[in-house]
Amino acid sequence: MGYPLPARWRRWGVVALVICGLWPAAGHAMTGGVQTVCETAARRASSMTGVPLKVLLAVSLTESGRKTGATFGAWPWTLNIAGKGAFFDSKSAALARAHATLAGGERSFDLGCFQINYRWHGEAFGALSDMLDPDLNAQYAARFLRDLFAESGDWSVAVGHYHSRTPQYANRYRKIFHRHLANLGGGPIPVQSFPPATAVAPTVTRGPNRFPLLQPGGAPVSMGSLVPTRPNTGSLFGDRTSRSMWGG
């Protein structure tokens, strides 16, 4: 599926994330119910890590955005399996499909608000249910983005690398990200908003914090990218034009 990666990259995994070419005219209002879940998780992750909230919100919209009625928001119970995306009505339904996918021998699939890939990131989490937990999903993505920002000092570059190190895929992803960012409003992204290095980030109150990237200060990450070796086979939006999670 992707190019072979050095062992140091496989340890932390590589994000393989859904990229949707959809910018709804209705805007990005998230007015209650499930569509507030990812936003709330993003706010907590932003507070914990210093990653600008607008960056996290725009990434989540790019990854798992769903139009329901007149609103468009990130959907927490989203899976993308072998390039075919699906929204579920509940965590239990999404989790059941994830377990069935693993039982069927497929390991490369994405979960949650920020579409964290099981093949590359699964060993950083205690269980599939943890990967679907909106707070843990968002915090992992935030640490990942923070480490990428440390490389370039540019959030736009970091967001592109969140999807791929290959320029054509990264640039395509960034264009969609910036469209969502503009729709969110509120001015430019802060250049740097990390808390001081001595600050102790709070932890999610969901049992022991076992995840290296979720520890205060995070862990150094050597980044790579999962790059497509085959064309798109599906999308989260079957009735409209979209791009696959593989960037093809």
Protein backbone atom coordinates (compact mmCIF):
# COMPACT_ATOMS: atom_id res chain seq x y z
CA MET A 1 0.00 0.00 0.00
CA GLY A 2 2.68 2.52 1.01
CA TYR A 3 6.37 2.79 0.46
CA PRO A 4 8.55 0.79 2.91
CA LEU A 5 9.46 2.86 5.94
CA PRO A 6 12.48 2.85 8.24
CA ALA A 7 11.92 1.13 11.57
CA ARG A 8 12.09 4.42 13.45
CA TRP A 9 9.11 5.66 11.42
CA ARG A 10 7.14 2.45 11.85
CA ARG A 11 7.47 2.77 15.59
CA TRP A 12 5.32 5.85 15.75
CA GLY A 13 3.44 5.28 12.56
CA VAL A 14 2.52 7.48 9.68
CA VAL A 15 -0.78 9.22 9.31
CA ALA A 16 -2.80 7.99 6.36
CA LEU A 17 -5.70 10.36 6.37
CA VAL A 18 -8.86 11.04 4.42
CA ILE A 19 -8.77 14.08 2.16
CA CYS A 20 -12.16 15.29 0.99
CA GLY A 21 -12.68 17.84 -1.80
CA LEU A 22 -15.86 19.27 -0.31
CA TRP A 23 -16.42 22.82 0.92
CA PRO A 24 -20.07 23.27 1.86
CA ALA A 25 -21.80 26.56 1.22
CA ALA A 26 -23.65 26.08 4.50
CA GLY A 27 -20.53 26.81 6.51
CA HIS A 28 -19.05 24.99 9.47
CA ALA A 29 -21.62 25.46 12.21
CA MET A 30 -21.67 22.64 14.73
CA THR A 31 -24.90 22.98 16.63
CA GLY A 32 -25.19 20.19 19.16
CA GLY A 33 -25.19 16.42 19.27
CA VAL A 34 -22.50 14.34 17.65
CA GLN A 35 -21.16 17.23 15.58
CA THR A 36 -19.88 18.98 18.70
CA VAL A 37 -17.84 15.99 19.88
CA CYS A 38 -14.76 16.49 17.68
CA GLU A 39 -14.84 20.25 18.21
CA THR A 40 -14.88 19.79 21.98
CA ALA A 41 -12.03 17.30 21.79
CA ALA A 42 -10.04 19.67 19.58
CA ARG A 43 -10.49 22.47 22.12
CA ARG A 44 -9.16 20.28 24.91
CA ALA A 45 -6.23 19.10 22.81
CA SER A 46 -5.39 22.68 21.84
CA SER A 47 -5.38 23.72 25.50
CA MET A 48 -3.13 20.81 26.42
CA THR A 49 -0.60 21.06 23.60
CA GLY A 50 -0.58 24.68 22.46
CA VAL A 51 -1.50 23.74 18.89
CA PRO A 52 -3.78 26.53 17.63
CA LEU A 53 -7.42 25.57 17.85
CA LYS A 54 -8.09 26.73 14.29
CA VAL A 55 -5.45 24.33 12.99
CA LEU A 56 -7.00 21.38 14.80
CA LEU A 57 -10.53 22.28 13.78
CA ALA A 58 -9.59 22.70 10.11
CA VAL A 59 -7.65 19.42 10.08
CA SER A 60 -10.58 17.56 11.65
CA LEU A 61 -12.94 19.02 9.06
CA THR A 62 -10.58 17.94 6.30
CA GLU A 63 -10.28 14.46 7.77
CA SER A 64 -13.80 13.54 8.88
CA GLY A 65 -16.06 16.41 7.81
CA ARG A 66 -19.69 15.46 7.29
CA LYS A 67 -22.59 17.54 6.04
CA THR A 68 -25.80 16.88 7.92
CA GLY A 69 -28.68 19.15 7.07
CA ALA A 70 -27.41 22.71 6.93
CA THR A 71 -24.28 22.08 8.99
CA PHE A 72 -20.85 20.67 8.29
CA GLY A 73 -18.73 19.25 11.08
CA ALA A 74 -16.13 16.62 11.89
CA TRP A 75 -17.72 13.26 12.68
CA PRO A 76 -16.13 11.18 15.48
CA TRP A 77 -17.48 7.77 14.40
CA THR A 78 -15.76 7.73 11.02
CA LEU A 79 -13.73 4.91 9.49
CA ASN A 80 -11.83 4.72 6.23
CA ILE A 81 -10.96 1.18 5.18
CA ALA A 82 -8.83 0.57 2.09
CA GLY A 83 -9.90 3.94 0.72
CA LYS A 84 -13.60 3.41 1.41
CA GLY A 85 -15.03 5.72 4.03
CA ALA A 86 -18.10 5.35 6.23
CA PHE A 87 -19.87 7.34 8.92
CA PHE A 88 -21.51 5.49 11.80
CA ASP A 89 -24.26 6.61 14.15
CA SER A 90 -22.41 5.53 17.29
CA LYS A 91 -19.00 4.65 18.63
CA SER A 92 -20.14 1.07 19.24
CA ALA A 93 -21.12 0.64 15.59
CA ALA A 94 -17.82 2.09 14.35
CA LEU A 95 -15.88 -0.03 16.83
CA ALA A 96 -17.68 -3.19 15.73
CA ARG A 97 -16.72 -2.50 12.12
CA ALA A 98 -13.12 -1.80 13.15
CA HIS A 99 -12.89 -5.12 15.00
CA ALA A 100 -14.43 -6.94 12.05
CA THR A 101 -11.91 -5.28 9.75
CA LEU A 102 -9.02 -6.49 11.88
CA ALA A 103 -10.50 -9.97 12.08
CA GLY A 104 -10.64 -10.00 8.29
CA GLY A 105 -6.91 -9.32 8.06
CA GLU A 106 -6.97 -5.64 7.07
CA ARG A 107 -4.73 -3.45 9.22
CA SER A 108 -4.50 -0.20 7.27
CA PHE A 109 -7.60 1.76 8.20
CA ASP A 110 -8.29 5.15 9.77
CA LEU A 111 -10.38 6.00 12.80
CA GLY A 112 -12.01 8.97 14.43
CA CYS A 113 -12.09 12.74 14.25
CA PHE A 114 -8.52 12.98 12.96
CA GLN A 115 -8.44 9.68 11.06
CA ILE A 116 -5.53 8.06 12.87
CA ASN A 117 -4.27 5.04 10.94
CA TYR A 118 -4.28 1.73 12.81
CA ARG A 119 -1.43 0.13 10.88
CA TRP A 120 1.01 2.91 11.66
CA HIS A 121 -0.32 4.22 14.99
CA GLY A 122 -2.20 1.35 16.58
CA GLU A 123 0.59 0.22 18.89
CA ALA A 124 0.65 3.67 20.51
CA PHE A 125 -2.85 3.05 21.86
CA GLY A 126 -4.09 0.50 24.33
CA ALA A 127 -7.06 -0.62 22.23
CA LEU A 128 -9.14 0.20 19.18
CA SER A 129 -11.70 1.82 21.46
CA ASP A 130 -9.00 4.25 22.63
CA MET A 131 -8.22 5.22 19.04
CA LEU A 132 -11.91 6.08 18.57
CA ASP A 133 -12.01 8.06 21.82
CA PRO A 134 -12.38 11.67 20.57
CA ASP A 135 -10.12 13.15 23.25
CA LEU A 136 -7.30 10.63 22.80
CA ASN A 137 -7.64 10.79 19.03
CA ALA A 138 -7.41 14.59 19.09
CA GLN A 139 -4.52 14.69 21.55
CA TYR A 140 -2.47 12.26 19.49
CA ALA A 141 -3.09 14.28 16.34
CA ALA A 142 -2.17 17.49 18.15
CA ARG A 143 1.16 16.11 19.39
CA PHE A 144 1.86 14.84 15.90
CA LEU A 145 1.17 18.28 14.40
CA ARG A 146 3.21 20.01 17.09
CA ASP A 147 6.25 17.90 16.25
CA LEU A 148 5.81 18.63 12.57
CA PHE A 149 5.56 22.35 13.29
CA ALA A 150 8.84 22.16 15.21
CA GLU A 151 10.55 21.10 11.98
CA SER A 152 9.45 24.04 9.83
CA GLY A 153 7.97 26.72 12.09
CA ASP A 154 5.06 26.90 9.63
CA TRP A 155 1.62 25.48 10.43
CA SER A 156 0.67 25.19 6.79
CA VAL A 157 3.76 23.11 6.05
CA ALA A 158 3.12 21.01 9.15
CA VAL A 159 -0.44 20.30 8.07
CA GLY A 160 0.70 19.24 4.61
CA HIS A 161 3.22 16.85 6.15
CA TYR A 162 0.51 15.51 8.44
CA HIS A 163 -0.93 13.97 5.31
CA SER A 164 2.18 13.29 3.22
CA ARG A 165 5.82 14.16 2.68
CA THR A 166 5.26 13.99 -1.07
CA PRO A 167 4.76 17.60 -2.23
CA GLN A 168 1.92 16.96 -4.66
CA TYR A 169 -0.18 15.20 -2.02
CA ALA A 170 0.78 17.60 0.76
CA ASN A 171 -0.07 20.64 -1.37
CA ARG A 172 -3.43 19.21 -2.41
CA TYR A 173 -4.28 18.54 1.22
CA ARG A 174 -3.19 22.02 2.28
CA LYS A 175 -5.54 23.65 -0.23
CA ILE A 176 -8.52 21.89 1.30
CA PHE A 177 -7.27 22.65 4.81
CA HIS A 178 -6.95 26.36 4.00
CA ARG A 179 -10.46 26.47 2.57
CA HIS A 180 -11.83 25.09 5.84
CA LEU A 181 -9.54 27.43 7.79
CA ALA A 182 -10.90 30.47 5.93
CA ASN A 183 -14.48 29.38 6.58
CA LEU A 184 -13.73 29.16 10.29
CA GLY A 185 -12.73 32.85 10.31
CA GLY A 186 -10.97 34.59 13.16
CA GLY A 187 -7.84 35.91 11.47
CA PRO A 188 -4.44 34.34 10.80
CA ILE A 189 -3.00 31.35 12.63
CA PRO A 190 -0.72 32.34 15.53
CA VAL A 191 2.90 31.81 14.52
CA GLN A 192 3.69 29.98 17.76
CA SER A 193 1.42 29.29 20.68
CA PHE A 194 3.04 26.44 22.58
CA PRO A 195 2.97 26.58 26.37
CA PRO A 196 6.35 27.03 28.08
CA ALA A 197 8.51 23.92 28.11
CA THR A 198 8.18 23.71 31.90
CA ALA A 199 4.39 23.63 31.79
CA VAL A 200 2.72 20.37 32.75
CA ALA A 201 -0.10 19.52 30.39
CA PRO A 202 -3.26 18.08 31.94
CA THR A 203 -4.23 14.52 31.08
CA VAL A 204 -7.56 13.10 30.05
CA THR A 205 -9.36 11.50 32.96
CA ARG A 206 -9.92 8.14 31.23
CA GLY A 207 -7.55 5.87 33.14
CA PRO A 208 -3.75 5.65 32.82
CA ASN A 209 -2.15 7.77 30.13
CA ARG A 210 -0.20 5.08 28.25
CA PHE A 211 0.46 6.89 25.00
CA PRO A 212 3.93 8.39 24.37
CA LEU A 213 2.65 11.26 22.23
CA LEU A 214 0.05 12.07 24.88
CA GLN A 215 2.58 12.50 27.66
CA PRO A 216 3.42 16.06 28.77
CA GLY A 217 6.04 17.35 26.38
CA GLY A 218 5.43 14.46 24.00
CA ALA A 219 8.12 12.26 22.55
CA PRO A 220 10.38 13.02 19.61
CA VAL A 221 8.96 11.68 16.38
CA SER A 222 10.72 10.97 13.12
CA MET A 223 8.13 11.61 10.49
CA GLY A 224 7.40 9.97 7.19
CA SER A 225 4.39 9.62 4.94
CA LEU A 226 2.21 6.87 3.62
CA VAL A 227 2.07 7.45 -0.12
CA PRO A 228 -0.43 5.82 -2.49
CA THR A 229 0.58 3.01 -4.80
CA ARG A 230 -2.91 2.53 -6.21
CA PRO A 231 -5.79 4.81 -7.22
CA ASN A 232 -8.75 5.83 -5.11
CA THR A 233 -11.29 3.08 -4.52
CA GLY A 234 -13.91 5.07 -2.69
CA SER A 235 -14.67 8.07 -0.53
CA LEU A 236 -16.64 9.31 2.42
CA PHE A 237 -18.95 11.09 0.02
CA GLY A 238 -20.13 8.53 -2.49
CA ASP A 239 -22.50 10.90 -4.26
CA ARG A 240 -20.07 13.74 -4.88
CA THR A 241 -16.56 14.43 -6.08
CA SER A 242 -13.91 13.78 -3.45
CA ARG A 243 -10.33 12.68 -3.06
CA SER A 244 -9.27 9.51 -1.33
CA MET A 245 -7.45 9.16 1.96
CA TRP A 246 -4.37 8.04 0.01
CA GLY A 247 -4.12 11.36 -1.87
CA GLY A 248 -4.52 9.68 -5.25
